[in-house]
Amino acid sequence: LEQFLEQEEQQLQEMVEEIADAGAD
């Protein structure tokens, strides 16, 4: 269960990193 939740969290973090890497404010 913890792995499952961590994977979801990681997915969301990757989305935000992609926005930040593009340079969006």
PDBML (XML) file of the C-alpha atoms, coordinates in Angstrom:
<?xml version="1.0" encoding="UTF-8" ?>
<PDBx:datablock datablockName="MODEL"
   xmlns:PDBx="http://pdbml.pdb.org/schema/pdbx-v50.xsd"
   xmlns:xsi="http://www.w3.org/2001/XMLSchema-instance"
   xsi:schemaLocation="http://pdbml.pdb.org/schema/pdbx-v50.xsd pdbx-v50.xsd">
   <PDBx:atom_siteCategory>
      <PDBx:atom_site id="1">
         <PDBx:B_iso_or_equiv>0.00</PDBx:B_iso_or_equiv>
         <PDBx:Cartn_x>0.000</PDBx:Cartn_x>
         <PDBx:Cartn_y>0.000</PDBx:Cartn_y>
         <PDBx:Cartn_z>0.000</PDBx:Cartn_z>
         <PDBx:auth_asym_id>A</PDBx:auth_asym_id>
         <PDBx:auth_atom_id>CA</PDBx:auth_atom_id>
         <PDBx:auth_comp_id>LEU</PDBx:auth_comp_id>
         <PDBx:auth_seq_id>1</PDBx:auth_seq_id>
         <PDBx:group_PDB>ATOM</PDBx:group_PDB>
         <PDBx:label_alt_id xsi:nil="true" />
         <PDBx:label_asym_id>A</PDBx:label_asym_id>
         <PDBx:label_atom_id>CA</PDBx:label_atom_id>
         <PDBx:label_comp_id>LEU</PDBx:label_comp_id>
         <PDBx:label_entity_id>1</PDBx:label_entity_id>
         <PDBx:label_seq_id>1</PDBx:label_seq_id>
         <PDBx:occupancy>1.00</PDBx:occupancy>
         <PDBx:pdbx_PDB_model_num>1</PDBx:pdbx_PDB_model_num>
         <PDBx:type_symbol>C</PDBx:type_symbol>
      </PDBx:atom_site>
      <PDBx:atom_site id="2">
         <PDBx:B_iso_or_equiv>0.00</PDBx:B_iso_or_equiv>
         <PDBx:Cartn_x>2.831</PDBx:Cartn_x>
         <PDBx:Cartn_y>2.351</PDBx:Cartn_y>
         <PDBx:Cartn_z>0.877</PDBx:Cartn_z>
         <PDBx:auth_asym_id>A</PDBx:auth_asym_id>
         <PDBx:auth_atom_id>CA</PDBx:auth_atom_id>
         <PDBx:auth_comp_id>GLU</PDBx:auth_comp_id>
         <PDBx:auth_seq_id>2</PDBx:auth_seq_id>
         <PDBx:group_PDB>ATOM</PDBx:group_PDB>
         <PDBx:label_alt_id xsi:nil="true" />
         <PDBx:label_asym_id>A</PDBx:label_asym_id>
         <PDBx:label_atom_id>CA</PDBx:label_atom_id>
         <PDBx:label_comp_id>GLU</PDBx:label_comp_id>
         <PDBx:label_entity_id>1</PDBx:label_entity_id>
         <PDBx:label_seq_id>2</PDBx:label_seq_id>
         <PDBx:occupancy>1.00</PDBx:occupancy>
         <PDBx:pdbx_PDB_model_num>1</PDBx:pdbx_PDB_model_num>
         <PDBx:type_symbol>C</PDBx:type_symbol>
      </PDBx:atom_site>
      <PDBx:atom_site id="3">
         <PDBx:B_iso_or_equiv>0.00</PDBx:B_iso_or_equiv>
         <PDBx:Cartn_x>4.540</PDBx:Cartn_x>
         <PDBx:Cartn_y>1.613</PDBx:Cartn_y>
         <PDBx:Cartn_z>-2.442</PDBx:Cartn_z>
         <PDBx:auth_asym_id>A</PDBx:auth_asym_id>
         <PDBx:auth_atom_id>CA</PDBx:auth_atom_id>
         <PDBx:auth_comp_id>GLN</PDBx:auth_comp_id>
         <PDBx:auth_seq_id>3</PDBx:auth_seq_id>
         <PDBx:group_PDB>ATOM</PDBx:group_PDB>
         <PDBx:label_alt_id xsi:nil="true" />
         <PDBx:label_asym_id>A</PDBx:label_asym_id>
         <PDBx:label_atom_id>CA</PDBx:label_atom_id>
         <PDBx:label_comp_id>GLN</PDBx:label_comp_id>
         <PDBx:label_entity_id>1</PDBx:label_entity_id>
         <PDBx:label_seq_id>3</PDBx:label_seq_id>
         <PDBx:occupancy>1.00</PDBx:occupancy>
         <PDBx:pdbx_PDB_model_num>1</PDBx:pdbx_PDB_model_num>
         <PDBx:type_symbol>C</PDBx:type_symbol>
      </PDBx:atom_site>
      <PDBx:atom_site id="4">
         <PDBx:B_iso_or_equiv>0.00</PDBx:B_iso_or_equiv>
         <PDBx:Cartn_x>1.270</PDBx:Cartn_x>
         <PDBx:Cartn_y>2.253</PDBx:Cartn_y>
         <PDBx:Cartn_z>-4.260</PDBx:Cartn_z>
         <PDBx:auth_asym_id>A</PDBx:auth_asym_id>
         <PDBx:auth_atom_id>CA</PDBx:auth_atom_id>
         <PDBx:auth_comp_id>PHE</PDBx:auth_comp_id>
         <PDBx:auth_seq_id>4</PDBx:auth_seq_id>
         <PDBx:group_PDB>ATOM</PDBx:group_PDB>
         <PDBx:label_alt_id xsi:nil="true" />
         <PDBx:label_asym_id>A</PDBx:label_asym_id>
         <PDBx:label_atom_id>CA</PDBx:label_atom_id>
         <PDBx:label_comp_id>PHE</PDBx:label_comp_id>
         <PDBx:label_entity_id>1</PDBx:label_entity_id>
         <PDBx:label_seq_id>4</PDBx:label_seq_id>
         <PDBx:occupancy>1.00</PDBx:occupancy>
         <PDBx:pdbx_PDB_model_num>1</PDBx:pdbx_PDB_model_num>
         <PDBx:type_symbol>C</PDBx:type_symbol>
      </PDBx:atom_site>
      <PDBx:atom_site id="5">
         <PDBx:B_iso_or_equiv>0.00</PDBx:B_iso_or_equiv>
         <PDBx:Cartn_x>0.822</PDBx:Cartn_x>
         <PDBx:Cartn_y>5.643</PDBx:Cartn_y>
         <PDBx:Cartn_z>-2.564</PDBx:Cartn_z>
         <PDBx:auth_asym_id>A</PDBx:auth_asym_id>
         <PDBx:auth_atom_id>CA</PDBx:auth_atom_id>
         <PDBx:auth_comp_id>LEU</PDBx:auth_comp_id>
         <PDBx:auth_seq_id>5</PDBx:auth_seq_id>
         <PDBx:group_PDB>ATOM</PDBx:group_PDB>
         <PDBx:label_alt_id xsi:nil="true" />
         <PDBx:label_asym_id>A</PDBx:label_asym_id>
         <PDBx:label_atom_id>CA</PDBx:label_atom_id>
         <PDBx:label_comp_id>LEU</PDBx:label_comp_id>
         <PDBx:label_entity_id>1</PDBx:label_entity_id>
         <PDBx:label_seq_id>5</PDBx:label_seq_id>
         <PDBx:occupancy>1.00</PDBx:occupancy>
         <PDBx:pdbx_PDB_model_num>1</PDBx:pdbx_PDB_model_num>
         <PDBx:type_symbol>C</PDBx:type_symbol>
      </PDBx:atom_site>
      <PDBx:atom_site id="6">
         <PDBx:B_iso_or_equiv>0.00</PDBx:B_iso_or_equiv>
         <PDBx:Cartn_x>4.467</PDBx:Cartn_x>
         <PDBx:Cartn_y>6.553</PDBx:Cartn_y>
         <PDBx:Cartn_z>-3.126</PDBx:Cartn_z>
         <PDBx:auth_asym_id>A</PDBx:auth_asym_id>
         <PDBx:auth_atom_id>CA</PDBx:auth_atom_id>
         <PDBx:auth_comp_id>GLU</PDBx:auth_comp_id>
         <PDBx:auth_seq_id>6</PDBx:auth_seq_id>
         <PDBx:group_PDB>ATOM</PDBx:group_PDB>
         <PDBx:label_alt_id xsi:nil="true" />
         <PDBx:label_asym_id>A</PDBx:label_asym_id>
         <PDBx:label_atom_id>CA</PDBx:label_atom_id>
         <PDBx:label_comp_id>GLU</PDBx:label_comp_id>
         <PDBx:label_entity_id>1</PDBx:label_entity_id>
         <PDBx:label_seq_id>6</PDBx:label_seq_id>
         <PDBx:occupancy>1.00</PDBx:occupancy>
         <PDBx:pdbx_PDB_model_num>1</PDBx:pdbx_PDB_model_num>
         <PDBx:type_symbol>C</PDBx:type_symbol>
      </PDBx:atom_site>
      <PDBx:atom_site id="7">
         <PDBx:B_iso_or_equiv>0.00</PDBx:B_iso_or_equiv>
         <PDBx:Cartn_x>4.084</PDBx:Cartn_x>
         <PDBx:Cartn_y>5.806</PDBx:Cartn_y>
         <PDBx:Cartn_z>-6.825</PDBx:Cartn_z>
         <PDBx:auth_asym_id>A</PDBx:auth_asym_id>
         <PDBx:auth_atom_id>CA</PDBx:auth_atom_id>
         <PDBx:auth_comp_id>GLN</PDBx:auth_comp_id>
         <PDBx:auth_seq_id>7</PDBx:auth_seq_id>
         <PDBx:group_PDB>ATOM</PDBx:group_PDB>
         <PDBx:label_alt_id xsi:nil="true" />
         <PDBx:label_asym_id>A</PDBx:label_asym_id>
         <PDBx:label_atom_id>CA</PDBx:label_atom_id>
         <PDBx:label_comp_id>GLN</PDBx:label_comp_id>
         <PDBx:label_entity_id>1</PDBx:label_entity_id>
         <PDBx:label_seq_id>7</PDBx:label_seq_id>
         <PDBx:occupancy>1.00</PDBx:occupancy>
         <PDBx:pdbx_PDB_model_num>1</PDBx:pdbx_PDB_model_num>
         <PDBx:type_symbol>C</PDBx:type_symbol>
      </PDBx:atom_site>
      <PDBx:atom_site id="8">
         <PDBx:B_iso_or_equiv>0.00</PDBx:B_iso_or_equiv>
         <PDBx:Cartn_x>1.064</PDBx:Cartn_x>
         <PDBx:Cartn_y>8.122</PDBx:Cartn_y>
         <PDBx:Cartn_z>-7.056</PDBx:Cartn_z>
         <PDBx:auth_asym_id>A</PDBx:auth_asym_id>
         <PDBx:auth_atom_id>CA</PDBx:auth_atom_id>
         <PDBx:auth_comp_id>GLU</PDBx:auth_comp_id>
         <PDBx:auth_seq_id>8</PDBx:auth_seq_id>
         <PDBx:group_PDB>ATOM</PDBx:group_PDB>
         <PDBx:label_alt_id xsi:nil="true" />
         <PDBx:label_asym_id>A</PDBx:label_asym_id>
         <PDBx:label_atom_id>CA</PDBx:label_atom_id>
         <PDBx:label_comp_id>GLU</PDBx:label_comp_id>
         <PDBx:label_entity_id>1</PDBx:label_entity_id>
         <PDBx:label_seq_id>8</PDBx:label_seq_id>
         <PDBx:occupancy>1.00</PDBx:occupancy>
         <PDBx:pdbx_PDB_model_num>1</PDBx:pdbx_PDB_model_num>
         <PDBx:type_symbol>C</PDBx:type_symbol>
      </PDBx:atom_site>
      <PDBx:atom_site id="9">
         <PDBx:B_iso_or_equiv>0.00</PDBx:B_iso_or_equiv>
         <PDBx:Cartn_x>2.979</PDBx:Cartn_x>
         <PDBx:Cartn_y>10.816</PDBx:Cartn_y>
         <PDBx:Cartn_z>-5.192</PDBx:Cartn_z>
         <PDBx:auth_asym_id>A</PDBx:auth_asym_id>
         <PDBx:auth_atom_id>CA</PDBx:auth_atom_id>
         <PDBx:auth_comp_id>GLU</PDBx:auth_comp_id>
         <PDBx:auth_seq_id>9</PDBx:auth_seq_id>
         <PDBx:group_PDB>ATOM</PDBx:group_PDB>
         <PDBx:label_alt_id xsi:nil="true" />
         <PDBx:label_asym_id>A</PDBx:label_asym_id>
         <PDBx:label_atom_id>CA</PDBx:label_atom_id>
         <PDBx:label_comp_id>GLU</PDBx:label_comp_id>
         <PDBx:label_entity_id>1</PDBx:label_entity_id>
         <PDBx:label_seq_id>9</PDBx:label_seq_id>
         <PDBx:occupancy>1.00</PDBx:occupancy>
         <PDBx:pdbx_PDB_model_num>1</PDBx:pdbx_PDB_model_num>
         <PDBx:type_symbol>C</PDBx:type_symbol>
      </PDBx:atom_site>
      <PDBx:atom_site id="10">
         <PDBx:B_iso_or_equiv>0.00</PDBx:B_iso_or_equiv>
         <PDBx:Cartn_x>5.945</PDBx:Cartn_x>
         <PDBx:Cartn_y>10.372</PDBx:Cartn_y>
         <PDBx:Cartn_z>-7.507</PDBx:Cartn_z>
         <PDBx:auth_asym_id>A</PDBx:auth_asym_id>
         <PDBx:auth_atom_id>CA</PDBx:auth_atom_id>
         <PDBx:auth_comp_id>GLN</PDBx:auth_comp_id>
         <PDBx:auth_seq_id>10</PDBx:auth_seq_id>
         <PDBx:group_PDB>ATOM</PDBx:group_PDB>
         <PDBx:label_alt_id xsi:nil="true" />
         <PDBx:label_asym_id>A</PDBx:label_asym_id>
         <PDBx:label_atom_id>CA</PDBx:label_atom_id>
         <PDBx:label_comp_id>GLN</PDBx:label_comp_id>
         <PDBx:label_entity_id>1</PDBx:label_entity_id>
         <PDBx:label_seq_id>10</PDBx:label_seq_id>
         <PDBx:occupancy>1.00</PDBx:occupancy>
         <PDBx:pdbx_PDB_model_num>1</PDBx:pdbx_PDB_model_num>
         <PDBx:type_symbol>C</PDBx:type_symbol>
      </PDBx:atom_site>
      <PDBx:atom_site id="11">
         <PDBx:B_iso_or_equiv>0.00</PDBx:B_iso_or_equiv>
         <PDBx:Cartn_x>3.699</PDBx:Cartn_x>
         <PDBx:Cartn_y>10.746</PDBx:Cartn_y>
         <PDBx:Cartn_z>-10.532</PDBx:Cartn_z>
         <PDBx:auth_asym_id>A</PDBx:auth_asym_id>
         <PDBx:auth_atom_id>CA</PDBx:auth_atom_id>
         <PDBx:auth_comp_id>GLN</PDBx:auth_comp_id>
         <PDBx:auth_seq_id>11</PDBx:auth_seq_id>
         <PDBx:group_PDB>ATOM</PDBx:group_PDB>
         <PDBx:label_alt_id xsi:nil="true" />
         <PDBx:label_asym_id>A</PDBx:label_asym_id>
         <PDBx:label_atom_id>CA</PDBx:label_atom_id>
         <PDBx:label_comp_id>GLN</PDBx:label_comp_id>
         <PDBx:label_entity_id>1</PDBx:label_entity_id>
         <PDBx:label_seq_id>11</PDBx:label_seq_id>
         <PDBx:occupancy>1.00</PDBx:occupancy>
         <PDBx:pdbx_PDB_model_num>1</PDBx:pdbx_PDB_model_num>
         <PDBx:type_symbol>C</PDBx:type_symbol>
      </PDBx:atom_site>
      <PDBx:atom_site id="12">
         <PDBx:B_iso_or_equiv>0.00</PDBx:B_iso_or_equiv>
         <PDBx:Cartn_x>2.390</PDBx:Cartn_x>
         <PDBx:Cartn_y>14.055</PDBx:Cartn_y>
         <PDBx:Cartn_z>-9.249</PDBx:Cartn_z>
         <PDBx:auth_asym_id>A</PDBx:auth_asym_id>
         <PDBx:auth_atom_id>CA</PDBx:auth_atom_id>
         <PDBx:auth_comp_id>LEU</PDBx:auth_comp_id>
         <PDBx:auth_seq_id>12</PDBx:auth_seq_id>
         <PDBx:group_PDB>ATOM</PDBx:group_PDB>
         <PDBx:label_alt_id xsi:nil="true" />
         <PDBx:label_asym_id>A</PDBx:label_asym_id>
         <PDBx:label_atom_id>CA</PDBx:label_atom_id>
         <PDBx:label_comp_id>LEU</PDBx:label_comp_id>
         <PDBx:label_entity_id>1</PDBx:label_entity_id>
         <PDBx:label_seq_id>12</PDBx:label_seq_id>
         <PDBx:occupancy>1.00</PDBx:occupancy>
         <PDBx:pdbx_PDB_model_num>1</PDBx:pdbx_PDB_model_num>
         <PDBx:type_symbol>C</PDBx:type_symbol>
      </PDBx:atom_site>
      <PDBx:atom_site id="13">
         <PDBx:B_iso_or_equiv>0.00</PDBx:B_iso_or_equiv>
         <PDBx:Cartn_x>5.887</PDBx:Cartn_x>
         <PDBx:Cartn_y>15.238</PDBx:Cartn_y>
         <PDBx:Cartn_z>-8.363</PDBx:Cartn_z>
         <PDBx:auth_asym_id>A</PDBx:auth_asym_id>
         <PDBx:auth_atom_id>CA</PDBx:auth_atom_id>
         <PDBx:auth_comp_id>GLN</PDBx:auth_comp_id>
         <PDBx:auth_seq_id>13</PDBx:auth_seq_id>
         <PDBx:group_PDB>ATOM</PDBx:group_PDB>
         <PDBx:label_alt_id xsi:nil="true" />
         <PDBx:label_asym_id>A</PDBx:label_asym_id>
         <PDBx:label_atom_id>CA</PDBx:label_atom_id>
         <PDBx:label_comp_id>GLN</PDBx:label_comp_id>
         <PDBx:label_entity_id>1</PDBx:label_entity_id>
         <PDBx:label_seq_id>13</PDBx:label_seq_id>
         <PDBx:occupancy>1.00</PDBx:occupancy>
         <PDBx:pdbx_PDB_model_num>1</PDBx:pdbx_PDB_model_num>
         <PDBx:type_symbol>C</PDBx:type_symbol>
      </PDBx:atom_site>
      <PDBx:atom_site id="14">
         <PDBx:B_iso_or_equiv>0.00</PDBx:B_iso_or_equiv>
         <PDBx:Cartn_x>7.086</PDBx:Cartn_x>
         <PDBx:Cartn_y>14.452</PDBx:Cartn_y>
         <PDBx:Cartn_z>-11.883</PDBx:Cartn_z>
         <PDBx:auth_asym_id>A</PDBx:auth_asym_id>
         <PDBx:auth_atom_id>CA</PDBx:auth_atom_id>
         <PDBx:auth_comp_id>GLU</PDBx:auth_comp_id>
         <PDBx:auth_seq_id>14</PDBx:auth_seq_id>
         <PDBx:group_PDB>ATOM</PDBx:group_PDB>
         <PDBx:label_alt_id xsi:nil="true" />
         <PDBx:label_asym_id>A</PDBx:label_asym_id>
         <PDBx:label_atom_id>CA</PDBx:label_atom_id>
         <PDBx:label_comp_id>GLU</PDBx:label_comp_id>
         <PDBx:label_entity_id>1</PDBx:label_entity_id>
         <PDBx:label_seq_id>14</PDBx:label_seq_id>
         <PDBx:occupancy>1.00</PDBx:occupancy>
         <PDBx:pdbx_PDB_model_num>1</PDBx:pdbx_PDB_model_num>
         <PDBx:type_symbol>C</PDBx:type_symbol>
      </PDBx:atom_site>
      <PDBx:atom_site id="15">
         <PDBx:B_iso_or_equiv>0.00</PDBx:B_iso_or_equiv>
         <PDBx:Cartn_x>4.227</PDBx:Cartn_x>
         <PDBx:Cartn_y>16.517</PDBx:Cartn_y>
         <PDBx:Cartn_z>-13.350</PDBx:Cartn_z>
         <PDBx:auth_asym_id>A</PDBx:auth_asym_id>
         <PDBx:auth_atom_id>CA</PDBx:auth_atom_id>
         <PDBx:auth_comp_id>MET</PDBx:auth_comp_id>
         <PDBx:auth_seq_id>15</PDBx:auth_seq_id>
         <PDBx:group_PDB>ATOM</PDBx:group_PDB>
         <PDBx:label_alt_id xsi:nil="true" />
         <PDBx:label_asym_id>A</PDBx:label_asym_id>
         <PDBx:label_atom_id>CA</PDBx:label_atom_id>
         <PDBx:label_comp_id>MET</PDBx:label_comp_id>
         <PDBx:label_entity_id>1</PDBx:label_entity_id>
         <PDBx:label_seq_id>15</PDBx:label_seq_id>
         <PDBx:occupancy>1.00</PDBx:occupancy>
         <PDBx:pdbx_PDB_model_num>1</PDBx:pdbx_PDB_model_num>
         <PDBx:type_symbol>C</PDBx:type_symbol>
      </PDBx:atom_site>
      <PDBx:atom_site id="16">
         <PDBx:B_iso_or_equiv>0.00</PDBx:B_iso_or_equiv>
         <PDBx:Cartn_x>5.211</PDBx:Cartn_x>
         <PDBx:Cartn_y>19.508</PDBx:Cartn_y>
         <PDBx:Cartn_z>-11.225</PDBx:Cartn_z>
         <PDBx:auth_asym_id>A</PDBx:auth_asym_id>
         <PDBx:auth_atom_id>CA</PDBx:auth_atom_id>
         <PDBx:auth_comp_id>VAL</PDBx:auth_comp_id>
         <PDBx:auth_seq_id>16</PDBx:auth_seq_id>
         <PDBx:group_PDB>ATOM</PDBx:group_PDB>
         <PDBx:label_alt_id xsi:nil="true" />
         <PDBx:label_asym_id>A</PDBx:label_asym_id>
         <PDBx:label_atom_id>CA</PDBx:label_atom_id>
         <PDBx:label_comp_id>VAL</PDBx:label_comp_id>
         <PDBx:label_entity_id>1</PDBx:label_entity_id>
         <PDBx:label_seq_id>16</PDBx:label_seq_id>
         <PDBx:occupancy>1.00</PDBx:occupancy>
         <PDBx:pdbx_PDB_model_num>1</PDBx:pdbx_PDB_model_num>
         <PDBx:type_symbol>C</PDBx:type_symbol>
      </PDBx:atom_site>
      <PDBx:atom_site id="17">
         <PDBx:B_iso_or_equiv>0.00</PDBx:B_iso_or_equiv>
         <PDBx:Cartn_x>8.906</PDBx:Cartn_x>
         <PDBx:Cartn_y>19.057</PDBx:Cartn_y>
         <PDBx:Cartn_z>-12.091</PDBx:Cartn_z>
         <PDBx:auth_asym_id>A</PDBx:auth_asym_id>
         <PDBx:auth_atom_id>CA</PDBx:auth_atom_id>
         <PDBx:auth_comp_id>GLU</PDBx:auth_comp_id>
         <PDBx:auth_seq_id>17</PDBx:auth_seq_id>
         <PDBx:group_PDB>ATOM</PDBx:group_PDB>
         <PDBx:label_alt_id xsi:nil="true" />
         <PDBx:label_asym_id>A</PDBx:label_asym_id>
         <PDBx:label_atom_id>CA</PDBx:label_atom_id>
         <PDBx:label_comp_id>GLU</PDBx:label_comp_id>
         <PDBx:label_entity_id>1</PDBx:label_entity_id>
         <PDBx:label_seq_id>17</PDBx:label_seq_id>
         <PDBx:occupancy>1.00</PDBx:occupancy>
         <PDBx:pdbx_PDB_model_num>1</PDBx:pdbx_PDB_model_num>
         <PDBx:type_symbol>C</PDBx:type_symbol>
      </PDBx:atom_site>
      <PDBx:atom_site id="18">
         <PDBx:B_iso_or_equiv>0.00</PDBx:B_iso_or_equiv>
         <PDBx:Cartn_x>8.019</PDBx:Cartn_x>
         <PDBx:Cartn_y>19.090</PDBx:Cartn_y>
         <PDBx:Cartn_z>-15.796</PDBx:Cartn_z>
         <PDBx:auth_asym_id>A</PDBx:auth_asym_id>
         <PDBx:auth_atom_id>CA</PDBx:auth_atom_id>
         <PDBx:auth_comp_id>GLU</PDBx:auth_comp_id>
         <PDBx:auth_seq_id>18</PDBx:auth_seq_id>
         <PDBx:group_PDB>ATOM</PDBx:group_PDB>
         <PDBx:label_alt_id xsi:nil="true" />
         <PDBx:label_asym_id>A</PDBx:label_asym_id>
         <PDBx:label_atom_id>CA</PDBx:label_atom_id>
         <PDBx:label_comp_id>GLU</PDBx:label_comp_id>
         <PDBx:label_entity_id>1</PDBx:label_entity_id>
         <PDBx:label_seq_id>18</PDBx:label_seq_id>
         <PDBx:occupancy>1.00</PDBx:occupancy>
         <PDBx:pdbx_PDB_model_num>1</PDBx:pdbx_PDB_model_num>
         <PDBx:type_symbol>C</PDBx:type_symbol>
      </PDBx:atom_site>
      <PDBx:atom_site id="19">
         <PDBx:B_iso_or_equiv>0.00</PDBx:B_iso_or_equiv>
         <PDBx:Cartn_x>6.200</PDBx:Cartn_x>
         <PDBx:Cartn_y>22.402</PDBx:Cartn_y>
         <PDBx:Cartn_z>-15.311</PDBx:Cartn_z>
         <PDBx:auth_asym_id>A</PDBx:auth_asym_id>
         <PDBx:auth_atom_id>CA</PDBx:auth_atom_id>
         <PDBx:auth_comp_id>ILE</PDBx:auth_comp_id>
         <PDBx:auth_seq_id>19</PDBx:auth_seq_id>
         <PDBx:group_PDB>ATOM</PDBx:group_PDB>
         <PDBx:label_alt_id xsi:nil="true" />
         <PDBx:label_asym_id>A</PDBx:label_asym_id>
         <PDBx:label_atom_id>CA</PDBx:label_atom_id>
         <PDBx:label_comp_id>ILE</PDBx:label_comp_id>
         <PDBx:label_entity_id>1</PDBx:label_entity_id>
         <PDBx:label_seq_id>19</PDBx:label_seq_id>
         <PDBx:occupancy>1.00</PDBx:occupancy>
         <PDBx:pdbx_PDB_model_num>1</PDBx:pdbx_PDB_model_num>
         <PDBx:type_symbol>C</PDBx:type_symbol>
      </PDBx:atom_site>
      <PDBx:atom_site id="20">
         <PDBx:B_iso_or_equiv>0.00</PDBx:B_iso_or_equiv>
         <PDBx:Cartn_x>9.103</PDBx:Cartn_x>
         <PDBx:Cartn_y>23.843</PDBx:Cartn_y>
         <PDBx:Cartn_z>-13.313</PDBx:Cartn_z>
         <PDBx:auth_asym_id>A</PDBx:auth_asym_id>
         <PDBx:auth_atom_id>CA</PDBx:auth_atom_id>
         <PDBx:auth_comp_id>ALA</PDBx:auth_comp_id>
         <PDBx:auth_seq_id>20</PDBx:auth_seq_id>
         <PDBx:group_PDB>ATOM</PDBx:group_PDB>
         <PDBx:label_alt_id xsi:nil="true" />
         <PDBx:label_asym_id>A</PDBx:label_asym_id>
         <PDBx:label_atom_id>CA</PDBx:label_atom_id>
         <PDBx:label_comp_id>ALA</PDBx:label_comp_id>
         <PDBx:label_entity_id>1</PDBx:label_entity_id>
         <PDBx:label_seq_id>20</PDBx:label_seq_id>
         <PDBx:occupancy>1.00</PDBx:occupancy>
         <PDBx:pdbx_PDB_model_num>1</PDBx:pdbx_PDB_model_num>
         <PDBx:type_symbol>C</PDBx:type_symbol>
      </PDBx:atom_site>
      <PDBx:atom_site id="21">
         <PDBx:B_iso_or_equiv>0.00</PDBx:B_iso_or_equiv>
         <PDBx:Cartn_x>11.711</PDBx:Cartn_x>
         <PDBx:Cartn_y>22.569</PDBx:Cartn_y>
         <PDBx:Cartn_z>-15.792</PDBx:Cartn_z>
         <PDBx:auth_asym_id>A</PDBx:auth_asym_id>
         <PDBx:auth_atom_id>CA</PDBx:auth_atom_id>
         <PDBx:auth_comp_id>ASP</PDBx:auth_comp_id>
         <PDBx:auth_seq_id>21</PDBx:auth_seq_id>
         <PDBx:group_PDB>ATOM</PDBx:group_PDB>
         <PDBx:label_alt_id xsi:nil="true" />
         <PDBx:label_asym_id>A</PDBx:label_asym_id>
         <PDBx:label_atom_id>CA</PDBx:label_atom_id>
         <PDBx:label_comp_id>ASP</PDBx:label_comp_id>
         <PDBx:label_entity_id>1</PDBx:label_entity_id>
         <PDBx:label_seq_id>21</PDBx:label_seq_id>
         <PDBx:occupancy>1.00</PDBx:occupancy>
         <PDBx:pdbx_PDB_model_num>1</PDBx:pdbx_PDB_model_num>
         <PDBx:type_symbol>C</PDBx:type_symbol>
      </PDBx:atom_site>
      <PDBx:atom_site id="22">
         <PDBx:B_iso_or_equiv>0.00</PDBx:B_iso_or_equiv>
         <PDBx:Cartn_x>9.872</PDBx:Cartn_x>
         <PDBx:Cartn_y>24.318</PDBx:Cartn_y>
         <PDBx:Cartn_z>-18.625</PDBx:Cartn_z>
         <PDBx:auth_asym_id>A</PDBx:auth_asym_id>
         <PDBx:auth_atom_id>CA</PDBx:auth_atom_id>
         <PDBx:auth_comp_id>ALA</PDBx:auth_comp_id>
         <PDBx:auth_seq_id>22</PDBx:auth_seq_id>
         <PDBx:group_PDB>ATOM</PDBx:group_PDB>
         <PDBx:label_alt_id xsi:nil="true" />
         <PDBx:label_asym_id>A</PDBx:label_asym_id>
         <PDBx:label_atom_id>CA</PDBx:label_atom_id>
         <PDBx:label_comp_id>ALA</PDBx:label_comp_id>
         <PDBx:label_entity_id>1</PDBx:label_entity_id>
         <PDBx:label_seq_id>22</PDBx:label_seq_id>
         <PDBx:occupancy>1.00</PDBx:occupancy>
         <PDBx:pdbx_PDB_model_num>1</PDBx:pdbx_PDB_model_num>
         <PDBx:type_symbol>C</PDBx:type_symbol>
      </PDBx:atom_site>
      <PDBx:atom_site id="23">
         <PDBx:B_iso_or_equiv>0.00</PDBx:B_iso_or_equiv>
         <PDBx:Cartn_x>10.305</PDBx:Cartn_x>
         <PDBx:Cartn_y>27.553</PDBx:Cartn_y>
         <PDBx:Cartn_z>-16.665</PDBx:Cartn_z>
         <PDBx:auth_asym_id>A</PDBx:auth_asym_id>
         <PDBx:auth_atom_id>CA</PDBx:auth_atom_id>
         <PDBx:auth_comp_id>GLY</PDBx:auth_comp_id>
         <PDBx:auth_seq_id>23</PDBx:auth_seq_id>
         <PDBx:group_PDB>ATOM</PDBx:group_PDB>
         <PDBx:label_alt_id xsi:nil="true" />
         <PDBx:label_asym_id>A</PDBx:label_asym_id>
         <PDBx:label_atom_id>CA</PDBx:label_atom_id>
         <PDBx:label_comp_id>GLY</PDBx:label_comp_id>
         <PDBx:label_entity_id>1</PDBx:label_entity_id>
         <PDBx:label_seq_id>23</PDBx:label_seq_id>
         <PDBx:occupancy>1.00</PDBx:occupancy>
         <PDBx:pdbx_PDB_model_num>1</PDBx:pdbx_PDB_model_num>
         <PDBx:type_symbol>C</PDBx:type_symbol>
      </PDBx:atom_site>
      <PDBx:atom_site id="24">
         <PDBx:B_iso_or_equiv>0.00</PDBx:B_iso_or_equiv>
         <PDBx:Cartn_x>6.668</PDBx:Cartn_x>
         <PDBx:Cartn_y>28.316</PDBx:Cartn_y>
         <PDBx:Cartn_z>-15.847</PDBx:Cartn_z>
         <PDBx:auth_asym_id>A</PDBx:auth_asym_id>
         <PDBx:auth_atom_id>CA</PDBx:auth_atom_id>
         <PDBx:auth_comp_id>ALA</PDBx:auth_comp_id>
         <PDBx:auth_seq_id>24</PDBx:auth_seq_id>
         <PDBx:group_PDB>ATOM</PDBx:group_PDB>
         <PDBx:label_alt_id xsi:nil="true" />
         <PDBx:label_asym_id>A</PDBx:label_asym_id>
         <PDBx:label_atom_id>CA</PDBx:label_atom_id>
         <PDBx:label_comp_id>ALA</PDBx:label_comp_id>
         <PDBx:label_entity_id>1</PDBx:label_entity_id>
         <PDBx:label_seq_id>24</PDBx:label_seq_id>
         <PDBx:occupancy>1.00</PDBx:occupancy>
         <PDBx:pdbx_PDB_model_num>1</PDBx:pdbx_PDB_model_num>
         <PDBx:type_symbol>C</PDBx:type_symbol>
      </PDBx:atom_site>
      <PDBx:atom_site id="25">
         <PDBx:B_iso_or_equiv>0.00</PDBx:B_iso_or_equiv>
         <PDBx:Cartn_x>5.900</PDBx:Cartn_x>
         <PDBx:Cartn_y>30.767</PDBx:Cartn_y>
         <PDBx:Cartn_z>-13.031</PDBx:Cartn_z>
         <PDBx:auth_asym_id>A</PDBx:auth_asym_id>
         <PDBx:auth_atom_id>CA</PDBx:auth_atom_id>
         <PDBx:auth_comp_id>ASP</PDBx:auth_comp_id>
         <PDBx:auth_seq_id>25</PDBx:auth_seq_id>
         <PDBx:group_PDB>ATOM</PDBx:group_PDB>
         <PDBx:label_alt_id xsi:nil="true" />
         <PDBx:label_asym_id>A</PDBx:label_asym_id>
         <PDBx:label_atom_id>CA</PDBx:label_atom_id>
         <PDBx:label_comp_id>ASP</PDBx:label_comp_id>
         <PDBx:label_entity_id>1</PDBx:label_entity_id>
         <PDBx:label_seq_id>25</PDBx:label_seq_id>
         <PDBx:occupancy>1.00</PDBx:occupancy>
         <PDBx:pdbx_PDB_model_num>1</PDBx:pdbx_PDB_model_num>
         <PDBx:type_symbol>C</PDBx:type_symbol>
      </PDBx:atom_site>
   </PDBx:atom_siteCategory>
</PDBx:datablock>
